[in-house]
Amino acid sequence: MASGSFLRSVHSRLFVDPVRRVVHNEVTEVTERLADTVADNDRELRRTLQDLADAGDQVAEAIGRSLVRLSAEIEALQDELTRLKEASGTGEPPTGR
């Protein structure tokens, strides 16, 4: 009986314990590298999303400016159309502005 216990103890000390230490060290190292990679990817994703949000804001501003210009052009065209209709109703040739 004692020899079986002794063999298990030697087996643990010579094989099992070193393997556990190596596995533990490897798992710890891989876990740290994975955490660093996840943190790097998180930072990159946040930066990309912020860039996209900034680009969206710029597009919205450009569209807003274009709509203001188009609105002014439409108003000018409506004024000109009204002037032309009034001029054609009087029988007089339209005059330029």
PDB file of N, CA and C in Angstrom:
ATOM      1  N   MET A   1       0.816  -1.191   0.000  1.00  0.00           N
ATOM      2  CA  MET A   1       0.000   0.000   0.000  1.00  0.00           C
ATOM      3  C   MET A   1       0.853   1.245   0.000  1.00  0.00           C
ATOM      4  N   ALA A   2       1.867   1.204   0.840  1.00  0.00           N
ATOM      5  CA  ALA A   2       2.713   2.381   0.975  1.00  0.00           C
ATOM      6  C   ALA A   2       3.425   2.677  -0.323  1.00  0.00           C
ATOM      7  N   SER A   3       3.799   1.625  -1.044  1.00  0.00           N
ATOM      8  CA  SER A   3       4.512   1.869  -2.292  1.00  0.00           C
ATOM      9  C   SER A   3       3.600   2.497  -3.342  1.00  0.00           C
ATOM     10  N   GLY A   4       2.329   2.154  -3.335  1.00  0.00           N
ATOM     11  CA  GLY A   4       1.377   2.778  -4.263  1.00  0.00           C
ATOM     12  C   GLY A   4       1.205   4.250  -3.976  1.00  0.00           C
ATOM     13  N   SER A   5       1.124   4.587  -2.731  1.00  0.00           N
ATOM     14  CA  SER A   5       1.008   5.982  -2.310  1.00  0.00           C
ATOM     15  C   SER A   5       2.280   6.737  -2.663  1.00  0.00           C
ATOM     16  N   PHE A   6       3.421   6.090  -2.450  1.00  0.00           N
ATOM     17  CA  PHE A   6       4.694   6.708  -2.773  1.00  0.00           C
ATOM     18  C   PHE A   6       4.819   6.949  -4.278  1.00  0.00           C
ATOM     19  N   LEU A   7       4.391   5.955  -5.069  1.00  0.00           N
ATOM     20  CA  LEU A   7       4.458   6.109  -6.533  1.00  0.00           C
ATOM     21  C   LEU A   7       3.545   7.231  -7.021  1.00  0.00           C
ATOM     22  N   ARG A   8       2.361   7.311  -6.425  1.00  0.00           N
ATOM     23  CA  ARG A   8       1.455   8.408  -6.808  1.00  0.00           C
ATOM     24  C   ARG A   8       2.073   9.743  -6.449  1.00  0.00           C
ATOM     25  N   SER A   9       2.691   9.818  -5.302  1.00  0.00           N
ATOM     26  CA  SER A   9       3.330  11.059  -4.863  1.00  0.00           C
ATOM     27  C   SER A   9       4.477  11.438  -5.799  1.00  0.00           C
ATOM     28  N   VAL A  10       5.289  10.473  -6.146  1.00  0.00           N
ATOM     29  CA  VAL A  10       6.403  10.725  -7.073  1.00  0.00           C
ATOM     30  C   VAL A  10       5.852  11.107  -8.438  1.00  0.00           C
ATOM     31  N   HIS A  11       4.850  10.385  -8.904  1.00  0.00           N
ATOM     32  CA  HIS A  11       4.234  10.679 -10.206  1.00  0.00           C
ATOM     33  C   HIS A  11       3.683  12.106 -10.227  1.00  0.00           C
ATOM     34  N   SER A  12       3.025  12.495  -9.154  1.00  0.00           N
ATOM     35  CA  SER A  12       2.485  13.856  -9.074  1.00  0.00           C
ATOM     36  C   SER A  12       3.606  14.875  -9.082  1.00  0.00           C
ATOM     37  N   ARG A  13       4.626  14.623  -8.253  1.00  0.00           N
ATOM     38  CA  ARG A  13       5.725  15.576  -8.153  1.00  0.00           C
ATOM     39  C   ARG A  13       6.512  15.676  -9.453  1.00  0.00           C
ATOM     40  N   LEU A  14       6.736  14.580 -10.119  1.00  0.00           N
ATOM     41  CA  LEU A  14       7.575  14.577 -11.320  1.00  0.00           C
ATOM     42  C   LEU A  14       6.810  14.904 -12.605  1.00  0.00           C
ATOM     43  N   PHE A  15       5.535  14.577 -12.670  1.00  0.00           N
ATOM     44  CA  PHE A  15       4.811  14.739 -13.929  1.00  0.00           C
ATOM     45  C   PHE A  15       3.604  15.671 -13.828  1.00  0.00           C
ATOM     46  N   VAL A  16       2.718  15.354 -12.910  1.00  0.00           N
ATOM     47  CA  VAL A  16       1.449  16.086 -12.843  1.00  0.00           C
ATOM     48  C   VAL A  16       1.662  17.545 -12.447  1.00  0.00           C
ATOM     49  N   ASP A  17       2.398  17.779 -11.391  1.00  0.00           N
ATOM     50  CA  ASP A  17       2.597  19.150 -10.911  1.00  0.00           C
ATOM     51  C   ASP A  17       3.314  20.028 -11.950  1.00  0.00           C
ATOM     52  N   PRO A  18       4.396  19.552 -12.574  1.00  0.00           N
ATOM     53  CA  PRO A  18       5.031  20.391 -13.604  1.00  0.00           C
ATOM     54  C   PRO A  18       4.103  20.677 -14.793  1.00  0.00           C
ATOM     55  N   VAL A  19       3.333  19.677 -15.174  1.00  0.00           N
ATOM     56  CA  VAL A  19       2.395  19.888 -16.283  1.00  0.00           C
ATOM     57  C   VAL A  19       1.338  20.916 -15.882  1.00  0.00           C
ATOM     58  N   ARG A  20       0.836  20.823 -14.674  1.00  0.00           N
ATOM     59  CA  ARG A  20      -0.148  21.808 -14.200  1.00  0.00           C
ATOM     60  C   ARG A  20       0.442  23.217 -14.189  1.00  0.00           C
ATOM     61  N   ARG A  21       1.699  23.334 -13.725  1.00  0.00           N
ATOM     62  CA  ARG A  21       2.340  24.652 -13.709  1.00  0.00           C
ATOM     63  C   ARG A  21       2.491  25.203 -15.127  1.00  0.00           C
ATOM     64  N   VAL A  22       2.925  24.367 -16.051  1.00  0.00           N
ATOM     65  CA  VAL A  22       3.105  24.800 -17.439  1.00  0.00           C
ATOM     66  C   VAL A  22       1.759  25.210 -18.034  1.00  0.00           C
ATOM     67  N   VAL A  23       0.756  24.398 -17.813  1.00  0.00           N
ATOM     68  CA  VAL A  23      -0.576  24.717 -18.339  1.00  0.00           C
ATOM     69  C   VAL A  23      -1.091  25.998 -17.713  1.00  0.00           C
ATOM     70  N   HIS A  24      -0.917  26.147 -16.414  1.00  0.00           N
ATOM     71  CA  HIS A  24      -1.360  27.361 -15.736  1.00  0.00           C
ATOM     72  C   HIS A  24      -0.650  28.591 -16.320  1.00  0.00           C
ATOM     73  N   ASN A  25       0.666  28.500 -16.489  1.00  0.00           N
ATOM     74  CA  ASN A  25       1.433  29.622 -17.038  1.00  0.00           C
ATOM     75  C   ASN A  25       0.991  29.953 -18.463  1.00  0.00           C
ATOM     76  N   GLU A  26       0.776  28.929 -19.263  1.00  0.00           N
ATOM     77  CA  GLU A  26       0.344  29.148 -20.647  1.00  0.00           C
ATOM     78  C   GLU A  26      -1.044  29.784 -20.696  1.00  0.00           C
ATOM     79  N   VAL A  27      -1.940  29.267 -19.878  1.00  0.00           N
ATOM     80  CA  VAL A  27      -3.299  29.819 -19.837  1.00  0.00           C
ATOM     81  C   VAL A  27      -3.264  31.276 -19.383  1.00  0.00           C
ATOM     82  N   THR A  28      -2.453  31.568 -18.384  1.00  0.00           N
ATOM     83  CA  THR A  28      -2.327  32.944 -17.895  1.00  0.00           C
ATOM     84  C   THR A  28      -1.793  33.852 -18.992  1.00  0.00           C
ATOM     85  N   GLU A  29      -0.767  33.415 -19.694  1.00  0.00           N
ATOM     86  CA  GLU A  29      -0.177  34.220 -20.773  1.00  0.00           C
ATOM     87  C   GLU A  29      -1.174  34.443 -21.911  1.00  0.00           C
ATOM     88  N   VAL A  30      -1.846  33.385 -22.318  1.00  0.00           N
ATOM     89  CA  VAL A  30      -2.824  33.506 -23.396  1.00  0.00           C
ATOM     90  C   VAL A  30      -3.977  34.413 -22.973  1.00  0.00           C
ATOM     91  N   THR A  31      -4.402  34.295 -21.734  1.00  0.00           N
ATOM     92  CA  THR A  31      -5.490  35.134 -21.224  1.00  0.00           C
ATOM     93  C   THR A  31      -5.089  36.602 -21.257  1.00  0.00           C
ATOM     94  N   GLU A  32      -3.861  36.902 -20.848  1.00  0.00           N
ATOM     95  CA  GLU A  32      -3.381  38.286 -20.866  1.00  0.00           C
ATOM     96  C   GLU A  32      -3.293  38.811 -22.298  1.00  0.00           C
ATOM     97  N   ARG A  33      -2.764  38.001 -23.206  1.00  0.00           N
ATOM     98  CA  ARG A  33      -2.674  38.433 -24.616  1.00  0.00           C
ATOM     99  C   ARG A  33      -4.057  38.645 -25.201  1.00  0.00           C
ATOM    100  N   LEU A  34      -4.979  37.760 -24.878  1.00  0.00           N
ATOM    101  CA  LEU A  34      -6.346  37.886 -25.371  1.00  0.00           C
ATOM    102  C   LEU A  34      -7.004  39.152 -24.828  1.00  0.00           C
ATOM    103  N   ALA A  35      -6.785  39.436 -23.550  1.00  0.00           N
ATOM    104  CA  ALA A  35      -7.344  40.655 -22.952  1.00  0.00           C
ATOM    105  C   ALA A  35      -6.769  41.893 -23.627  1.00  0.00           C
ATOM    106  N   ASP A  36      -5.467  41.877 -23.914  1.00  0.00           N
ATOM    107  CA  ASP A  36      -4.846  43.005 -24.621  1.00  0.00           C
ATOM    108  C   ASP A  36      -5.430  43.167 -26.029  1.00  0.00           C
ATOM    109  N   THR A  37      -5.612  42.050 -26.709  1.00  0.00           N
ATOM    110  CA  THR A  37      -6.171  42.092 -28.061  1.00  0.00           C
ATOM    111  C   THR A  37      -7.599  42.621 -28.042  1.00  0.00           C
ATOM    112  N   VAL A  38      -8.383  42.161 -27.086  1.00  0.00           N
ATOM    113  CA  VAL A  38      -9.772  42.639 -26.967  1.00  0.00           C
ATOM    114  C   VAL A  38      -9.775  44.135 -26.677  1.00  0.00           C
ATOM    115  N   ALA A  39      -8.902  44.592 -25.792  1.00  0.00           N
ATOM    116  CA  ALA A  39      -8.829  46.022 -25.469  1.00  0.00           C
ATOM    117  C   ALA A  39      -8.418  46.830 -26.699  1.00  0.00           C
ATOM    118  N   ASP A  40      -7.441  46.334 -27.458  1.00  0.00           N
ATOM    119  CA  ASP A  40      -7.016  47.023 -28.678  1.00  0.00           C
ATOM    120  C   ASP A  40      -8.154  47.082 -29.689  1.00  0.00           C
ATOM    121  N   ASN A  41      -8.846  45.975 -29.864  1.00  0.00           N
ATOM    122  CA  ASN A  41      -9.969  45.943 -30.805  1.00  0.00           C
ATOM    123  C   ASN A  41     -11.094  46.856 -30.351  1.00  0.00           C
ATOM    124  N   ASP A  42     -11.333  46.915 -29.058  1.00  0.00           N
ATOM    125  CA  ASP A  42     -12.365  47.803 -28.523  1.00  0.00           C
ATOM    126  C   ASP A  42     -12.017  49.257 -28.814  1.00  0.00           C
ATOM    127  N   ARG A  43     -10.749  49.638 -28.573  1.00  0.00           N
ATOM    128  CA  ARG A  43     -10.329  51.018 -28.864  1.00  0.00           C
ATOM    129  C   ARG A  43     -10.478  51.332 -30.347  1.00  0.00           C
ATOM    130  N   GLU A  44     -10.065  50.406 -31.195  1.00  0.00           N
ATOM    131  CA  GLU A  44     -10.146  50.613 -32.642  1.00  0.00           C
ATOM    132  C   GLU A  44     -11.596  50.728 -33.096  1.00  0.00           C
ATOM    133  N   LEU A  45     -12.456  49.897 -32.556  1.00  0.00           N
ATOM    134  CA  LEU A  45     -13.875  49.946 -32.909  1.00  0.00           C
ATOM    135  C   LEU A  45     -14.491  51.268 -32.467  1.00  0.00           C
ATOM    136  N   ARG A  46     -14.179  51.704 -31.255  1.00  0.00           N
ATOM    137  CA  ARG A  46     -14.703  52.986 -30.772  1.00  0.00           C
ATOM    138  C   ARG A  46     -14.227  54.140 -31.647  1.00  0.00           C
ATOM    139  N   ARG A  47     -12.943  54.113 -32.044  1.00  0.00           N
ATOM    140  CA  ARG A  47     -12.404  55.161 -32.903  1.00  0.00           C
ATOM    141  C   ARG A  47     -13.102  55.152 -34.271  1.00  0.00           C
ATOM    142  N   THR A  48     -13.302  53.967 -34.811  1.00  0.00           N
ATOM    143  CA  THR A  48     -13.976  53.845 -36.107  1.00  0.00           C
ATOM    144  C   THR A  48     -15.410  54.352 -36.027  1.00  0.00           C
ATOM    145  N   LEU A  49     -16.113  53.977 -34.975  1.00  0.00           N
ATOM    146  CA  LEU A  49     -17.499  54.432 -34.811  1.00  0.00           C
ATOM    147  C   LEU A  49     -17.566  55.944 -34.640  1.00  0.00           C
ATOM    148  N   GLN A  50     -16.603  56.519 -33.922  1.00  0.00           N
ATOM    149  CA  GLN A  50     -16.568  57.976 -33.757  1.00  0.00           C
ATOM    150  C   GLN A  50     -16.293  58.648 -35.094  1.00  0.00           C
ATOM    151  N   ASP A  51     -15.377  58.077 -35.884  1.00  0.00           N
ATOM    152  CA  ASP A  51     -15.108  58.616 -37.222  1.00  0.00           C
ATOM    153  C   ASP A  51     -16.358  58.565 -38.085  1.00  0.00           C
ATOM    154  N   LEU A  52     -17.097  57.465 -38.006  1.00  0.00           N
ATOM    155  CA  LEU A  52     -18.334  57.342 -38.781  1.00  0.00           C
ATOM    156  C   LEU A  52     -19.380  58.359 -38.322  1.00  0.00           C
ATOM    157  N   ALA A  53     -19.459  58.562 -37.025  1.00  0.00           N
ATOM    158  CA  ALA A  53     -20.408  59.553 -36.502  1.00  0.00           C
ATOM    159  C   ALA A  53     -20.028  60.949 -36.965  1.00  0.00           C
ATOM    160  N   ASP A  54     -18.726  61.258 -36.941  1.00  0.00           N
ATOM    161  CA  ASP A  54     -18.265  62.564 -37.415  1.00  0.00           C
ATOM    162  C   ASP A  54     -18.568  62.735 -38.901  1.00  0.00           C
ATOM    163  N   ALA A  55     -18.334  61.691 -39.669  1.00  0.00           N
ATOM    164  CA  ALA A  55     -18.620  61.757 -41.106  1.00  0.00           C
ATOM    165  C   ALA A  55     -20.121  61.941 -41.334  1.00  0.00           C
ATOM    166  N   GLY A  56     -20.935  61.255 -40.543  1.00  0.00           N
ATOM    167  CA  GLY A  56     -22.388  61.421 -40.664  1.00  0.00           C
ATOM    168  C   GLY A  56     -22.813  62.847 -40.359  1.00  0.00           C
ATOM    169  N   ASP A  57     -22.193  63.452 -39.346  1.00  0.00           N
ATOM    170  CA  ASP A  57     -22.497  64.848 -39.022  1.00  0.00           C
ATOM    171  C   ASP A  57     -22.127  65.774 -40.174  1.00  0.00           C
ATOM    172  N   GLN A  58     -20.974  65.513 -40.789  1.00  0.00           N
ATOM    173  CA  GLN A  58     -20.540  66.344 -41.914  1.00  0.00           C
ATOM    174  C   GLN A  58     -21.497  66.200 -43.096  1.00  0.00           C
ATOM    175  N   VAL A  59     -21.940  64.989 -43.359  1.00  0.00           N
ATOM    176  CA  VAL A  59     -22.893  64.763 -44.451  1.00  0.00           C
ATOM    177  C   VAL A  59     -24.204  65.478 -44.148  1.00  0.00           C
ATOM    178  N   ALA A  60     -24.671  65.383 -42.918  1.00  0.00           N
ATOM    179  CA  ALA A  60     -25.923  66.047 -42.544  1.00  0.00           C
ATOM    180  C   ALA A  60     -25.800  67.558 -42.706  1.00  0.00           C
ATOM    181  N   GLU A  61     -24.661  68.121 -42.319  1.00  0.00           N
ATOM    182  CA  GLU A  61     -24.456  69.559 -42.485  1.00  0.00           C
ATOM    183  C   GLU A  61     -24.457  69.948 -43.966  1.00  0.00           C
ATOM    184  N   ALA A  62     -23.787  69.156 -44.784  1.00  0.00           N
ATOM    185  CA  ALA A  62     -23.735  69.449 -46.224  1.00  0.00           C
ATOM    186  C   ALA A  62     -25.129  69.359 -46.839  1.00  0.00           C
ATOM    187  N   ILE A  63     -25.888  68.349 -46.445  1.00  0.00           N
ATOM    188  CA  ILE A  63     -27.254  68.217 -46.968  1.00  0.00           C
ATOM    189  C   ILE A  63     -28.103  69.391 -46.501  1.00  0.00           C
ATOM    190  N   GLY A  64     -27.946  69.803 -45.265  1.00  0.00           N
ATOM    191  CA  GLY A  64     -28.692  70.957 -44.756  1.00  0.00           C
ATOM    192  C   GLY A  64     -28.378  72.217 -45.544  1.00  0.00           C
ATOM    193  N   ARG A  65     -27.091  72.452 -45.809  1.00  0.00           N
ATOM    194  CA  ARG A  65     -26.712  73.634 -46.601  1.00  0.00           C
ATOM    195  C   ARG A  65     -27.291  73.539 -48.008  1.00  0.00           C
ATOM    196  N   SER A  66     -27.245  72.362 -48.589  1.00  0.00           N
ATOM    197  CA  SER A  66     -27.802  72.186 -49.945  1.00  0.00           C
ATOM    198  C   SER A  66     -29.300  72.444 -49.956  1.00  0.00           C
ATOM    199  N   LEU A  67     -29.997  71.976 -48.931  1.00  0.00           N
ATOM    200  CA  LEU A  67     -31.446  72.204 -48.854  1.00  0.00           C
ATOM    201  C   LEU A  67     -31.769  73.687 -48.723  1.00  0.00           C
ATOM    202  N   VAL A  68     -30.964  74.406 -47.963  1.00  0.00           N
ATOM    203  CA  VAL A  68     -31.175  75.852 -47.827  1.00  0.00           C
ATOM    204  C   VAL A  68     -30.983  76.530 -49.182  1.00  0.00           C
ATOM    205  N   ARG A  69     -29.916  76.150 -49.896  1.00  0.00           N
ATOM    206  CA  ARG A  69     -29.678  76.746 -51.227  1.00  0.00           C
ATOM    207  C   ARG A  69     -30.799  76.385 -52.192  1.00  0.00           C
ATOM    208  N   LEU A  70     -31.223  75.129 -52.174  1.00  0.00           N
ATOM    209  CA  LEU A  70     -32.309  74.714 -53.071  1.00  0.00           C
ATOM    210  C   LEU A  70     -33.606  75.436 -52.734  1.00  0.00           C
ATOM    211  N   SER A  71     -33.871  75.616 -51.463  1.00  0.00           N
ATOM    212  CA  SER A  71     -35.076  76.341 -51.054  1.00  0.00           C
ATOM    213  C   SER A  71     -35.046  77.764 -51.583  1.00  0.00           C
ATOM    214  N   ALA A  72     -33.879  78.411 -51.486  1.00  0.00           N
ATOM    215  CA  ALA A  72     -33.745  79.778 -52.009  1.00  0.00           C
ATOM    216  C   ALA A  72     -33.942  79.792 -53.524  1.00  0.00           C
ATOM    217  N   GLU A  73     -33.392  78.808 -54.207  1.00  0.00           N
ATOM    218  CA  GLU A  73     -33.553  78.727 -55.671  1.00  0.00           C
ATOM    219  C   GLU A  73     -35.018  78.502 -56.042  1.00  0.00           C
ATOM    220  N   ILE A  74     -35.691  77.629 -55.301  1.00  0.00           N
ATOM    221  CA  ILE A  74     -37.112  77.364 -55.585  1.00  0.00           C
ATOM    222  C   ILE A  74     -37.928  78.622 -55.351  1.00  0.00           C
ATOM    223  N   GLU A  75     -37.642  79.331 -54.298  1.00  0.00           N
ATOM    224  CA  GLU A  75     -38.353  80.578 -54.019  1.00  0.00           C
ATOM    225  C   GLU A  75     -38.126  81.593 -55.142  1.00  0.00           C
ATOM    226  N   ALA A  76     -36.889  81.694 -55.610  1.00  0.00           N
ATOM    227  CA  ALA A  76     -36.587  82.616 -56.713  1.00  0.00           C
ATOM    228  C   ALA A  76     -37.321  82.182 -57.981  1.00  0.00           C
ATOM    229  N   LEU A  77     -37.371  80.892 -58.245  1.00  0.00           N
ATOM    230  CA  LEU A  77     -38.084  80.395 -59.430  1.00  0.00           C
ATOM    231  C   LEU A  77     -39.585  80.648 -59.308  1.00  0.00           C
ATOM    232  N   GLN A  78     -40.133  80.476 -58.099  1.00  0.00           N
ATOM    233  CA  GLN A  78     -41.560  80.756 -57.903  1.00  0.00           C
ATOM    234  C   GLN A  78     -41.857  82.233 -58.130  1.00  0.00           C
ATOM    235  N   ASP A  79     -40.976  83.106 -57.646  1.00  0.00           N
ATOM    236  CA  ASP A  79     -41.151  84.541 -57.866  1.00  0.00           C
ATOM    237  C   ASP A  79     -41.110  84.862 -59.361  1.00  0.00           C
ATOM    238  N   GLU A  80     -40.176  84.265 -60.055  1.00  0.00           N
ATOM    239  CA  GLU A  80     -40.056  84.505 -61.501  1.00  0.00           C
ATOM    240  C   GLU A  80     -41.268  83.956 -62.232  1.00  0.00           C
ATOM    241  N   LEU A  81     -41.739  82.796 -61.838  1.00  0.00           N
ATOM    242  CA  LEU A  81     -42.925  82.213 -62.460  1.00  0.00           C
ATOM    243  C   LEU A  81     -44.141  83.105 -62.227  1.00  0.00           C
ATOM    244  N   THR A  82     -44.282  83.602 -61.026  1.00  0.00           N
ATOM    245  CA  THR A  82     -45.390  84.516 -60.718  1.00  0.00           C
ATOM    246  C   THR A  82     -45.295  85.764 -61.586  1.00  0.00           C
ATOM    247  N   ARG A  83     -44.096  86.321 -61.708  1.00  0.00           N
ATOM    248  CA  ARG A  83     -43.889  87.515 -62.538  1.00  0.00           C
ATOM    249  C   ARG A  83     -44.238  87.239 -63.988  1.00  0.00           C
ATOM    250  N   LEU A  84     -43.823  86.078 -64.483  1.00  0.00           N
ATOM    251  CA  LEU A  84     -44.120  85.730 -65.880  1.00  0.00           C
ATOM    252  C   LEU A  84     -45.619  85.534 -66.094  1.00  0.00           C
ATOM    253  N   LYS A  85     -46.284  84.896 -65.132  1.00  0.00           N
ATOM    254  CA  LYS A  85     -47.734  84.702 -65.250  1.00  0.00           C
ATOM    255  C   LYS A  85     -48.446  86.051 -65.252  1.00  0.00           C
ATOM    256  N   GLU A  86     -48.024  86.931 -64.377  1.00  0.00           N
ATOM    257  CA  GLU A  86     -48.647  88.258 -64.322  1.00  0.00           C
ATOM    258  C   GLU A  86     -48.405  89.020 -65.613  1.00  0.00           C
ATOM    259  N   ALA A  87     -47.206  88.920 -66.143  1.00  0.00           N
ATOM    260  CA  ALA A  87     -46.884  89.625 -67.391  1.00  0.00           C
ATOM    261  C   ALA A  87     -47.650  89.047 -68.557  1.00  0.00           C
ATOM    262  N   SER A  88     -47.837  87.741 -68.580  1.00  0.00           N
ATOM    263  CA  SER A  88     -48.570  87.132 -69.711  1.00  0.00           C
ATOM    264  C   SER A  88     -50.062  87.452 -69.608  1.00  0.00           C
ATOM    265  N   GLY A  89     -50.561  87.680 -68.424  1.00  0.00           N
ATOM    266  CA  GLY A  89     -51.951  88.025 -68.233  1.00  0.00           C
ATOM    267  C   GLY A  89     -52.264  89.439 -68.703  1.00  0.00           C
ATOM    268  N   THR A  90     -51.297  90.293 -68.737  1.00  0.00           N
ATOM    269  CA  THR A  90     -51.512  91.691 -69.177  1.00  0.00           C
ATOM    270  C   THR A  90     -51.272  91.861 -70.646  1.00  0.00           C
ATOM    271  N   GLY A  91     -50.744  90.855 -71.299  1.00  0.00           N
ATOM    272  CA  GLY A  91     -50.484  90.944 -72.724  1.00  0.00           C
ATOM    273  C   GLY A  91     -49.163  91.630 -73.036  1.00  0.00           C
ATOM    274  N   GLU A  92     -48.458  92.014 -72.021  1.00  0.00           N
ATOM    275  CA  GLU A  92     -47.175  92.665 -72.257  1.00  0.00           C
ATOM    276  C   GLU A  92     -46.083  91.607 -72.293  1.00  0.00           C
ATOM    277  N   PRO A  93     -45.056  91.862 -73.080  1.00  0.00           N
ATOM    278  CA  PRO A  93     -43.950  90.889 -73.098  1.00  0.00           C
ATOM    279  C   PRO A  93     -43.224  90.928 -71.750  1.00  0.00           C
ATOM    280  N   PRO A  94     -42.749  89.763 -71.303  1.00  0.00           N
ATOM    281  CA  PRO A  94     -42.055  89.729 -70.032  1.00  0.00           C
ATOM    282  C   PRO A  94     -40.757  90.526 -70.106  1.00  0.00           C
ATOM    283  N   THR A  95     -40.440  91.175 -69.045  1.00  0.00           N
ATOM    284  CA  THR A  95     -39.197  91.928 -69.005  1.00  0.00           C
ATOM    285  C   THR A  95     -38.228  91.221 -68.064  1.00  0.00           C
ATOM    286  N   GLY A  96     -36.958  91.343 -68.368  1.00  0.00           N
ATOM    287  CA  GLY A  96     -35.942  90.703 -67.515  1.00  0.00           C
ATOM    288  C   GLY A  96     -35.748  91.502 -66.255  1.00  0.00           C
ATOM    289  N   ARG A  97     -35.208  90.926 -65.310  1.00  0.00           N
ATOM    290  CA  ARG A  97     -34.953  91.611 -64.020  1.00  0.00           C
ATOM    291  C   ARG A  97     -33.711  92.406 -64.104  1.00  0.00           C
TER     292      ARG A  97
END
